[in-house]
Amino acid sequence: MKKSTVKYPYLTEDVEIYERENGHKIILAHKEGELVNISTWVKTGSINENDKNNGISHFLEHLMFKGTHKHKAGYFDRTLEAKGAIVNAATWKDYTYYYVTLPKGPKEKDLNLAIELHADMMLDPVLPEEEIGAPFDLKNPKVTDKRERHVVIEEIRMRKDQNWTRVYNACNFNMYKKHPYKRDVIGTPEIISQVSRDEIMDYYKTFYTPENMTTIIVGDFDKEKVLEKVEKEFDFKGRQNTPQKINDIDNPTNQTIFIENKAKTNTSYLMIGFLGPKANQLKENIELDIISIILGESTSSRLYQNLIEKQPEPIFNLANAEHYQFKDGNNFFVQANFKPEKKDLAIDLVKKEIKNLINNKITEDELEKAKKKTKSRFAFAAETVSEIGETIGYYMTVCEDLKLVENYLKDVEDITIEDLEKTVKKYLNLDNAVISLLEPSD
């Protein structure tokens, strides 16, 4: 195995990275205390999907908990939760990850048990037909057997009824011409109702490969013994790696795209989306994080102060900004909820605030406050084993380089107003924006 180390801010010991011959990576991070976090991050999500299997990553995440050849469905959760564990998983565009947080137990007994069960789940899922549920026709859904297929479809339907989901999906879809990021991670009822067990298992075998997996253990434990344990339990039995899929990256639109939809709602929803740099372009990412804070986070932000606090008459119920980070290029969103009869004025006011990041110069006070908040967030994320595991998983899977954390705090400190202005001009030009509007249908 190749070993390397990373000086992770706020941790008392270097993080150890081990890369096995098959490509599987094991990461050990020291954090004092009784709790340990075990997670495996898989480099797959909607980025590896197409129009025919959209949602399969998320569906598979649900099915991974439905038993192995050693243990029946429910055993994993029931056994670990009896030890005080939190067990869960999540799927997003670039990754799917599975985690367990629990007390390590006397002589690390429960930690060892959790590693065994976690590895068994990751490497030998059965995906039983009786847990998946039979395929069915959405137009004639006379089904008495309410299995996981129906759980996921109900989740999709609930999400599609949410107004912010509608406005986001329309914005996100139109920000891309061909990249898989354009699709909703959760998929569609049409696909989930029909996808077969064989298709799901083929997807699992294609993407749940050694090279695509990073297993992270965070806590206070005997590193040598835990490393040996993870190596032993994660026996891939010669499983082959699949050639990495490389997607063409879309350029931002060269003219503003405006999408207008209607729904049964009492207020109007606005989202303005921009394509940004790749997640591993750390400095520009931090700059966009800082811009997001200045523009639209908390009651002291420009959007809140200028559009809600200081307006002579109430127009907006909400106005904020968000920055999502992805392997093949980030998204920056400005969002607002407002009175429908004030549509034109509201859109103009939001656009003006984006332009004013240049026209109304960012102040040193704004920059310093945003830097302080950025550094505080990073420090907070180093306080618990689960947050540390999640941060390491993000850097290893999305940025593909944990070394980036070593310079994070210095990069934050070095950022200037001129840096922010350059990044605003590069990424937040309204000519390159997609504007999604959801209005009341009545």
Protein backbone atom coordinates (compact mmCIF):
# COMPACT_ATOMS: atom_id res chain seq x y z
CA MET A 1 0.00 0.00 0.00
CA LYS A 2 1.04 3.56 -0.64
CA LYS A 3 0.87 5.75 2.46
CA SER A 4 0.66 9.53 2.58
CA THR A 5 -0.27 12.03 5.29
CA VAL A 6 -2.17 15.30 5.41
CA LYS A 7 -1.92 18.02 8.04
CA TYR A 8 -5.61 18.58 8.73
CA PRO A 9 -6.31 21.90 10.52
CA TYR A 10 -7.54 21.55 14.14
CA LEU A 11 -6.70 17.84 14.39
CA THR A 12 -3.87 16.83 16.75
CA GLU A 13 -2.45 14.16 14.43
CA ASP A 14 -1.87 13.97 10.68
CA VAL A 15 -4.56 12.19 8.68
CA GLU A 16 -3.23 8.96 7.17
CA ILE A 17 -4.17 7.93 3.63
CA TYR A 18 -3.55 4.38 2.41
CA GLU A 19 -4.06 3.43 -1.23
CA ARG A 20 -4.24 -0.28 -1.88
CA GLU A 21 -3.08 -1.97 -5.09
CA ASN A 22 -6.68 -2.36 -6.27
CA GLY A 23 -7.31 1.40 -5.86
CA HIS A 24 -9.43 1.22 -2.68
CA LYS A 25 -8.45 4.03 -0.31
CA ILE A 26 -8.50 3.81 3.49
CA ILE A 27 -8.26 6.99 5.56
CA LEU A 28 -7.63 7.12 9.30
CA ALA A 29 -8.19 10.36 11.22
CA HIS A 30 -7.59 10.84 14.93
CA LYS A 31 -10.20 12.60 17.06
CA GLU A 32 -10.25 12.23 20.85
CA GLY A 33 -13.39 10.79 22.43
CA GLU A 34 -15.52 7.67 22.62
CA LEU A 35 -17.41 8.14 19.35
CA VAL A 36 -16.15 6.81 16.02
CA ASN A 37 -17.41 7.41 12.49
CA ILE A 38 -17.11 4.83 9.71
CA SER A 39 -18.06 5.81 6.18
CA THR A 40 -17.51 4.66 2.64
CA TRP A 41 -17.83 7.18 -0.19
CA VAL A 42 -18.51 5.85 -3.68
CA LYS A 43 -17.70 8.00 -6.72
CA THR A 44 -21.09 7.64 -8.29
CA GLY A 45 -24.36 9.51 -8.31
CA SER A 46 -26.43 11.12 -11.02
CA ILE A 47 -23.14 11.99 -12.79
CA ASN A 48 -23.08 8.37 -14.03
CA GLU A 49 -26.76 8.20 -15.05
CA ASN A 50 -28.60 8.73 -18.32
CA ASP A 51 -32.18 9.33 -19.46
CA LYS A 52 -32.98 5.62 -19.15
CA ASN A 53 -31.73 4.98 -15.61
CA ASN A 54 -31.99 8.40 -13.94
CA GLY A 55 -32.51 7.84 -10.20
CA ILE A 56 -30.83 4.42 -10.08
CA SER A 57 -28.03 5.66 -7.75
CA HIS A 58 -30.54 6.82 -5.15
CA PHE A 59 -32.69 3.69 -5.53
CA LEU A 60 -29.61 1.51 -5.05
CA GLU A 61 -28.71 3.46 -1.90
CA HIS A 62 -32.07 2.41 -0.40
CA LEU A 63 -31.56 -1.22 -1.45
CA MET A 64 -28.04 -1.52 -0.02
CA PHE A 65 -29.62 -1.85 3.43
CA LYS A 66 -31.80 -4.80 2.36
CA GLY A 67 -29.47 -7.59 3.35
CA THR A 68 -26.43 -9.60 2.23
CA HIS A 69 -25.73 -13.30 1.90
CA LYS A 70 -24.66 -13.29 5.57
CA HIS A 71 -27.37 -11.09 7.06
CA LYS A 72 -31.04 -10.59 6.28
CA ALA A 73 -32.69 -7.21 5.69
CA GLY A 74 -32.87 -5.18 8.89
CA TYR A 75 -30.02 -6.96 10.70
CA PHE A 76 -27.44 -4.24 9.93
CA ASP A 77 -29.56 -1.37 11.27
CA ARG A 78 -31.03 -3.29 14.20
CA THR A 79 -27.68 -4.61 15.44
CA LEU A 80 -25.83 -1.32 15.25
CA GLU A 81 -28.67 0.85 16.56
CA ALA A 82 -28.77 -1.44 19.61
CA LYS A 83 -25.17 -0.30 20.20
CA GLY A 84 -26.24 3.37 20.08
CA ALA A 85 -25.31 3.89 16.43
CA ILE A 86 -26.63 6.40 13.92
CA VAL A 87 -26.83 4.66 10.54
CA ASN A 88 -27.63 6.45 7.30
CA ALA A 89 -26.66 7.19 3.70
CA ALA A 90 -27.00 9.94 1.11
CA THR A 91 -26.86 10.29 -2.67
CA TRP A 92 -25.90 13.41 -4.59
CA LYS A 93 -24.60 14.24 -8.05
CA ASP A 94 -20.99 13.12 -7.58
CA TYR A 95 -21.25 10.55 -4.81
CA THR A 96 -23.20 8.10 -2.69
CA TYR A 97 -21.97 7.57 0.86
CA TYR A 98 -22.88 5.28 3.74
CA TYR A 99 -21.96 5.94 7.35
CA VAL A 100 -22.17 4.67 10.92
CA THR A 101 -21.45 6.79 14.01
CA LEU A 102 -21.31 4.93 17.34
CA PRO A 103 -19.40 4.55 20.62
CA LYS A 104 -16.34 2.41 19.92
CA GLY A 105 -17.09 0.13 22.90
CA PRO A 106 -14.72 -1.62 25.33
CA LYS A 107 -11.49 -2.64 23.60
CA GLU A 108 -12.97 -1.19 20.37
CA LYS A 109 -15.29 -4.19 20.15
CA ASP A 110 -18.25 -2.27 18.71
CA LEU A 111 -16.00 -0.41 16.26
CA ASN A 112 -14.77 -3.74 14.92
CA LEU A 113 -18.34 -5.06 14.65
CA ALA A 114 -19.40 -1.94 12.76
CA ILE A 115 -16.48 -2.29 10.32
CA GLU A 116 -17.45 -5.93 9.66
CA LEU A 117 -21.12 -5.15 9.01
CA HIS A 118 -20.38 -1.98 7.02
CA ALA A 119 -17.93 -3.83 4.73
CA ASP A 120 -20.37 -6.72 4.29
CA MET A 121 -23.11 -4.29 3.23
CA MET A 122 -20.83 -2.42 0.82
CA LEU A 123 -19.38 -5.52 -0.87
CA ASP A 124 -22.17 -8.11 -0.88
CA PRO A 125 -25.65 -6.61 -1.25
CA VAL A 126 -28.27 -9.15 -2.31
CA LEU A 127 -30.84 -6.66 -3.62
CA PRO A 128 -33.66 -9.18 -3.07
CA GLU A 129 -36.62 -9.02 -5.44
CA GLU A 130 -39.07 -9.21 -2.54
CA GLU A 131 -37.54 -6.03 -1.06
CA ILE A 132 -37.39 -4.17 -4.37
CA GLY A 133 -40.98 -4.92 -5.32
CA ALA A 134 -42.27 -6.02 -8.72
CA PRO A 135 -42.18 -3.56 -11.67
CA PHE A 136 -45.60 -2.07 -12.37
CA ASP A 137 -47.47 0.24 -14.74
CA LEU A 138 -47.88 3.75 -13.34
CA LYS A 139 -51.11 4.12 -15.31
CA ASN A 140 -52.58 1.10 -13.55
CA PRO A 141 -50.96 1.05 -10.10
CA LYS A 142 -53.05 -1.69 -8.51
CA VAL A 143 -50.29 -2.91 -6.24
CA THR A 144 -50.77 -4.38 -2.79
CA ASP A 145 -47.09 -5.16 -2.24
CA LYS A 146 -45.71 -1.78 -1.05
CA ARG A 147 -41.96 -2.40 -1.24
CA GLU A 148 -38.95 -0.10 -1.66
CA ARG A 149 -39.87 0.76 -5.24
CA HIS A 150 -43.02 2.43 -3.90
CA VAL A 151 -41.17 4.14 -1.04
CA VAL A 152 -38.86 5.86 -3.53
CA ILE A 153 -41.70 6.81 -5.89
CA GLU A 154 -43.61 8.38 -3.00
CA GLU A 155 -40.45 10.31 -2.07
CA ILE A 156 -40.20 11.58 -5.66
CA ARG A 157 -43.85 12.68 -5.66
CA MET A 158 -43.48 14.51 -2.36
CA ARG A 159 -40.44 16.38 -3.66
CA LYS A 160 -42.12 17.32 -6.91
CA ASP A 161 -44.90 18.99 -4.92
CA GLN A 162 -42.37 21.35 -3.32
CA ASN A 163 -42.21 24.76 -5.00
CA TRP A 164 -38.49 25.30 -4.44
CA THR A 165 -37.79 21.88 -5.98
CA ARG A 166 -39.78 22.86 -9.08
CA VAL A 167 -38.00 26.17 -9.53
CA TYR A 168 -34.59 24.54 -8.87
CA ASN A 169 -35.15 21.64 -11.28
CA ALA A 170 -36.14 24.02 -14.09
CA CYS A 171 -33.09 26.20 -13.43
CA ASN A 172 -30.69 23.28 -13.06
CA PHE A 173 -31.96 21.49 -16.20
CA ASN A 174 -31.43 24.57 -18.37
CA MET A 175 -27.94 25.34 -17.03
CA TYR A 176 -26.62 22.30 -18.91
CA LYS A 177 -26.86 21.16 -22.51
CA LYS A 178 -25.66 17.58 -22.11
CA HIS A 179 -23.90 17.04 -18.76
CA PRO A 180 -25.64 14.50 -16.45
CA TYR A 181 -25.84 17.17 -13.72
CA LYS A 182 -28.94 18.48 -15.53
CA ARG A 183 -31.04 15.58 -14.18
CA ASP A 184 -32.72 15.41 -10.78
CA VAL A 185 -30.80 13.02 -8.51
CA ILE A 186 -33.94 11.34 -7.22
CA GLY A 187 -35.09 10.28 -10.71
CA THR A 188 -38.61 9.85 -12.07
CA PRO A 189 -41.55 7.59 -11.14
CA GLU A 190 -41.59 6.26 -14.73
CA ILE A 191 -38.03 4.91 -14.41
CA ILE A 192 -38.22 3.69 -10.81
CA SER A 193 -41.49 1.84 -11.47
CA GLN A 194 -39.87 -0.19 -14.26
CA VAL A 195 -36.14 -0.59 -13.53
CA SER A 196 -35.27 -4.25 -12.98
CA ARG A 197 -33.13 -5.90 -10.32
CA ASP A 198 -30.65 -6.98 -13.04
CA GLU A 199 -30.21 -3.37 -14.17
CA ILE A 200 -29.63 -2.22 -10.58
CA MET A 201 -27.13 -5.02 -9.93
CA ASP A 202 -25.28 -4.25 -13.17
CA TYR A 203 -25.05 -0.61 -12.09
CA TYR A 204 -23.72 -1.70 -8.68
CA LYS A 205 -21.05 -3.94 -10.24
CA THR A 206 -20.00 -1.19 -12.67
CA PHE A 207 -19.53 1.62 -10.18
CA TYR A 208 -19.04 0.06 -6.71
CA THR A 209 -15.46 -0.87 -7.55
CA PRO A 210 -12.30 -0.63 -5.41
CA GLU A 211 -11.01 2.45 -7.25
CA ASN A 212 -14.32 4.23 -6.71
CA MET A 213 -14.46 3.61 -2.95
CA THR A 214 -12.88 5.52 -0.08
CA THR A 215 -13.38 4.15 3.44
CA ILE A 216 -12.85 6.63 6.25
CA ILE A 217 -12.53 5.89 9.98
CA VAL A 218 -12.49 8.87 12.37
CA GLY A 219 -12.00 8.59 16.13
CA ASP A 220 -9.59 7.57 18.88
CA PHE A 221 -8.45 4.01 18.14
CA ASP A 222 -5.45 1.78 17.52
CA LYS A 223 -4.65 2.77 13.92
CA GLU A 224 -2.57 -0.30 13.13
CA LYS A 225 -5.29 -2.72 14.24
CA VAL A 226 -8.08 -0.77 12.55
CA LEU A 227 -6.15 -0.55 9.28
CA GLU A 228 -5.60 -4.32 9.39
CA LYS A 229 -9.31 -4.85 10.14
CA VAL A 230 -10.51 -2.65 7.26
CA GLU A 231 -8.09 -4.37 4.86
CA LYS A 232 -9.35 -7.78 5.93
CA GLU A 233 -13.08 -6.96 5.79
CA PHE A 234 -12.90 -5.03 2.51
CA ASP A 235 -11.94 -8.07 0.49
CA PHE A 236 -13.02 -7.27 -3.04
CA LYS A 237 -12.18 -10.82 -4.19
CA GLY A 238 -10.55 -9.61 -7.40
CA ARG A 239 -13.37 -7.23 -8.39
CA GLN A 240 -12.22 -5.31 -11.44
CA ASN A 241 -12.24 -1.53 -11.78
CA THR A 242 -14.32 0.02 -14.55
CA PRO A 243 -12.73 2.67 -16.81
CA GLN A 244 -13.57 6.10 -15.45
CA LYS A 245 -16.30 7.91 -17.34
CA ILE A 246 -15.31 11.42 -18.48
CA ASN A 247 -18.11 13.86 -19.23
CA ASP A 248 -17.89 16.85 -21.54
CA ILE A 249 -18.23 19.98 -19.42
CA ASP A 250 -20.79 22.52 -20.60
CA ASN A 251 -19.89 26.18 -21.02
CA PRO A 252 -22.22 28.76 -19.48
CA THR A 253 -24.97 30.09 -21.72
CA ASN A 254 -23.85 33.15 -23.74
CA GLN A 255 -27.19 34.89 -23.26
CA THR A 256 -29.65 34.97 -20.40
CA ILE A 257 -32.11 32.06 -20.43
CA PHE A 258 -35.48 32.82 -18.85
CA ILE A 259 -37.85 29.99 -17.88
CA GLU A 260 -41.33 30.68 -16.57
CA ASN A 261 -43.57 28.02 -15.00
CA LYS A 262 -46.83 28.09 -13.08
CA ALA A 263 -48.13 26.14 -10.10
CA LYS A 264 -50.79 26.28 -7.40
CA THR A 265 -48.97 28.71 -5.15
CA ASN A 266 -49.74 32.03 -3.50
CA THR A 267 -46.33 33.63 -4.03
CA SER A 268 -43.69 33.76 -6.76
CA TYR A 269 -40.36 31.91 -6.62
CA LEU A 270 -37.21 33.08 -8.39
CA MET A 271 -33.88 31.35 -8.88
CA ILE A 272 -30.94 32.75 -10.86
CA GLY A 273 -28.26 30.16 -11.57
CA PHE A 274 -24.64 30.43 -12.73
CA LEU A 275 -22.07 27.76 -13.63
CA GLY A 276 -18.85 28.00 -11.63
CA PRO A 277 -15.35 26.48 -11.36
CA LYS A 278 -14.58 22.85 -10.59
CA ALA A 279 -14.64 21.85 -6.92
CA ASN A 280 -10.87 21.32 -6.83
CA GLN A 281 -10.18 24.94 -7.85
CA LEU A 282 -10.06 25.74 -4.16
CA LYS A 283 -9.24 29.44 -4.18
CA GLU A 284 -12.08 30.41 -6.54
CA ASN A 285 -14.40 28.15 -4.57
CA ILE A 286 -13.58 29.91 -1.33
CA GLU A 287 -14.07 33.25 -3.08
CA LEU A 288 -17.55 32.20 -4.22
CA ASP A 289 -18.33 30.99 -0.69
CA ILE A 290 -17.36 34.42 0.63
CA ILE A 291 -19.38 36.18 -2.08
CA SER A 292 -22.37 33.99 -1.17
CA ILE A 293 -22.07 35.07 2.47
CA ILE A 294 -21.77 38.76 1.61
CA LEU A 295 -24.60 38.68 -0.90
CA GLY A 296 -27.14 36.41 0.64
CA GLU A 297 -26.48 34.62 3.93
CA SER A 298 -27.95 35.80 7.25
CA THR A 299 -29.79 38.98 8.16
CA SER A 300 -26.68 41.11 7.68
CA SER A 301 -26.29 40.14 4.00
CA ARG A 302 -26.93 42.58 1.16
CA LEU A 303 -29.99 40.73 -0.14
CA TYR A 304 -31.68 40.67 3.26
CA GLN A 305 -30.80 44.25 4.15
CA ASN A 306 -31.64 45.83 0.79
CA LEU A 307 -34.57 43.69 -0.34
CA ILE A 308 -36.32 42.92 2.95
CA GLU A 309 -35.14 45.19 5.76
CA LYS A 310 -34.87 48.51 3.92
CA GLN A 311 -37.63 48.28 1.29
CA PRO A 312 -40.21 51.09 1.68
CA GLU A 313 -43.01 48.55 1.09
CA PRO A 314 -42.88 44.75 1.60
CA ILE A 315 -42.07 42.87 -1.62
CA PHE A 316 -39.89 39.93 -0.60
CA ASN A 317 -40.50 37.16 1.90
CA LEU A 318 -37.06 35.66 1.33
CA ALA A 319 -33.86 36.50 -0.54
CA ASN A 320 -30.59 34.58 -0.26
CA ALA A 321 -27.63 33.03 -2.10
CA GLU A 322 -26.15 29.53 -2.16
CA HIS A 323 -23.02 27.92 -3.57
CA TYR A 324 -23.12 24.19 -4.50
CA GLN A 325 -19.81 22.48 -5.25
CA PHE A 326 -19.42 19.69 -7.81
CA LYS A 327 -16.51 17.80 -9.38
CA ASP A 328 -17.22 19.00 -12.92
CA GLY A 329 -18.18 22.57 -12.03
CA ASN A 330 -20.07 24.37 -9.30
CA ASN A 331 -23.41 26.16 -9.19
CA PHE A 332 -24.06 29.57 -7.68
CA PHE A 333 -27.72 30.45 -7.01
CA VAL A 334 -29.53 33.61 -6.01
CA GLN A 335 -33.05 32.92 -4.73
CA ALA A 336 -36.07 35.01 -3.83
CA ASN A 337 -39.71 34.58 -2.86
CA PHE A 338 -41.95 37.60 -3.43
CA LYS A 339 -45.42 38.99 -4.07
CA PRO A 340 -46.62 37.95 -7.57
CA GLU A 341 -47.96 41.39 -8.44
CA LYS A 342 -44.43 42.82 -7.96
CA LYS A 343 -42.82 40.42 -10.43
CA ASP A 344 -40.97 42.86 -12.72
CA LEU A 345 -39.78 45.07 -9.86
CA ALA A 346 -38.66 42.08 -7.80
CA ILE A 347 -36.60 40.57 -10.63
CA ASP A 348 -35.00 43.95 -11.38
CA LEU A 349 -34.10 44.45 -7.71
CA VAL A 350 -32.45 41.02 -7.46
CA LYS A 351 -30.49 41.61 -10.67
CA LYS A 352 -29.38 44.99 -9.33
CA GLU A 353 -27.96 43.38 -6.19
CA ILE A 354 -25.92 40.95 -8.31
CA LYS A 355 -24.58 43.82 -10.44
CA ASN A 356 -23.84 45.82 -7.30
CA LEU A 357 -21.21 43.30 -6.24
CA ILE A 358 -19.13 45.30 -8.76
CA ASN A 359 -20.92 48.67 -8.91
CA ASN A 360 -21.24 49.02 -5.14
CA LYS A 361 -17.75 47.91 -4.10
CA ILE A 362 -17.40 45.15 -1.49
CA THR A 363 -16.03 46.70 1.71
CA GLU A 364 -13.20 45.50 3.93
CA ASP A 365 -15.73 45.09 6.74
CA GLU A 366 -17.90 42.78 4.60
CA LEU A 367 -14.85 40.79 3.55
CA GLU A 368 -13.54 40.35 7.10
CA LYS A 369 -16.93 39.27 8.46
CA ALA A 370 -17.29 36.71 5.66
CA LYS A 371 -13.76 35.41 6.23
CA LYS A 372 -14.47 34.99 9.93
CA LYS A 373 -17.66 33.05 9.20
CA THR A 374 -15.87 30.86 6.62
CA LYS A 375 -13.08 29.97 9.05
CA SER A 376 -15.59 29.34 11.85
CA ARG A 377 -17.48 26.89 9.67
CA PHE A 378 -14.30 24.98 8.90
CA ALA A 379 -13.41 24.88 12.61
CA PHE A 380 -16.92 23.70 13.50
CA ALA A 381 -16.63 20.91 10.91
CA ALA A 382 -13.59 19.60 12.81
CA GLU A 383 -15.45 19.25 16.13
CA THR A 384 -17.25 15.94 15.61
CA VAL A 385 -16.21 12.61 14.10
CA SER A 386 -19.15 12.66 11.68
CA GLU A 387 -18.37 16.18 10.38
CA ILE A 388 -14.69 15.29 9.96
CA GLY A 389 -15.63 12.12 8.08
CA GLU A 390 -17.97 14.06 5.82
CA THR A 391 -15.38 16.75 5.06
CA ILE A 392 -12.69 14.17 4.27
CA GLY A 393 -15.14 12.24 2.09
CA TYR A 394 -16.03 15.41 0.16
CA TYR A 395 -12.39 16.33 -0.51
CA MET A 396 -11.44 12.78 -1.51
CA THR A 397 -14.47 12.16 -3.72
CA VAL A 398 -15.50 15.51 -5.20
CA CYS A 399 -12.18 17.39 -5.13
CA GLU A 400 -10.15 14.16 -5.43
CA ASP A 401 -7.41 15.67 -3.25
CA LEU A 402 -7.43 15.85 0.56
CA LYS A 403 -4.16 17.84 0.47
CA LEU A 404 -6.26 20.90 -0.39
CA VAL A 405 -7.35 21.19 3.25
CA GLU A 406 -3.79 21.94 4.35
CA ASN A 407 -3.88 25.41 2.75
CA TYR A 408 -7.57 26.14 3.33
CA LEU A 409 -7.19 28.63 6.18
CA LYS A 410 -4.26 30.43 4.52
CA ASP A 411 -6.21 30.64 1.25
CA VAL A 412 -9.12 32.21 3.11
CA GLU A 413 -6.86 34.74 4.78
CA ASP A 414 -5.08 35.71 1.54
CA ILE A 415 -8.26 36.63 -0.37
CA THR A 416 -8.62 40.32 -1.29
CA ILE A 417 -11.47 42.51 -2.52
CA GLU A 418 -9.79 42.54 -5.93
CA ASP A 419 -9.88 38.71 -5.98
CA LEU A 420 -13.62 38.78 -5.27
CA GLU A 421 -14.31 41.34 -7.98
CA LYS A 422 -12.39 39.27 -10.52
CA THR A 423 -14.40 36.15 -9.57
CA VAL A 424 -17.73 38.03 -9.72
CA LYS A 425 -16.91 39.26 -13.23
CA LYS A 426 -15.81 35.80 -14.32
CA TYR A 427 -18.74 33.75 -12.99
CA LEU A 428 -21.68 35.99 -12.03
CA ASN A 429 -22.41 37.80 -15.29
CA LEU A 430 -26.17 37.98 -15.90
CA ASP A 431 -25.55 37.30 -19.61
CA ASN A 432 -24.45 33.81 -18.52
CA ALA A 433 -27.36 33.23 -16.14
CA VAL A 434 -30.37 30.95 -16.19
CA ILE A 435 -33.40 32.57 -14.57
CA SER A 436 -36.18 30.28 -13.37
CA LEU A 437 -39.50 31.75 -12.25
CA LEU A 438 -42.44 29.92 -10.70
CA GLU A 439 -45.67 31.93 -10.55
CA PRO A 440 -49.19 31.28 -9.27
CA SER A 441 -51.31 29.55 -11.92
CA ASP A 442 -54.44 31.45 -10.86
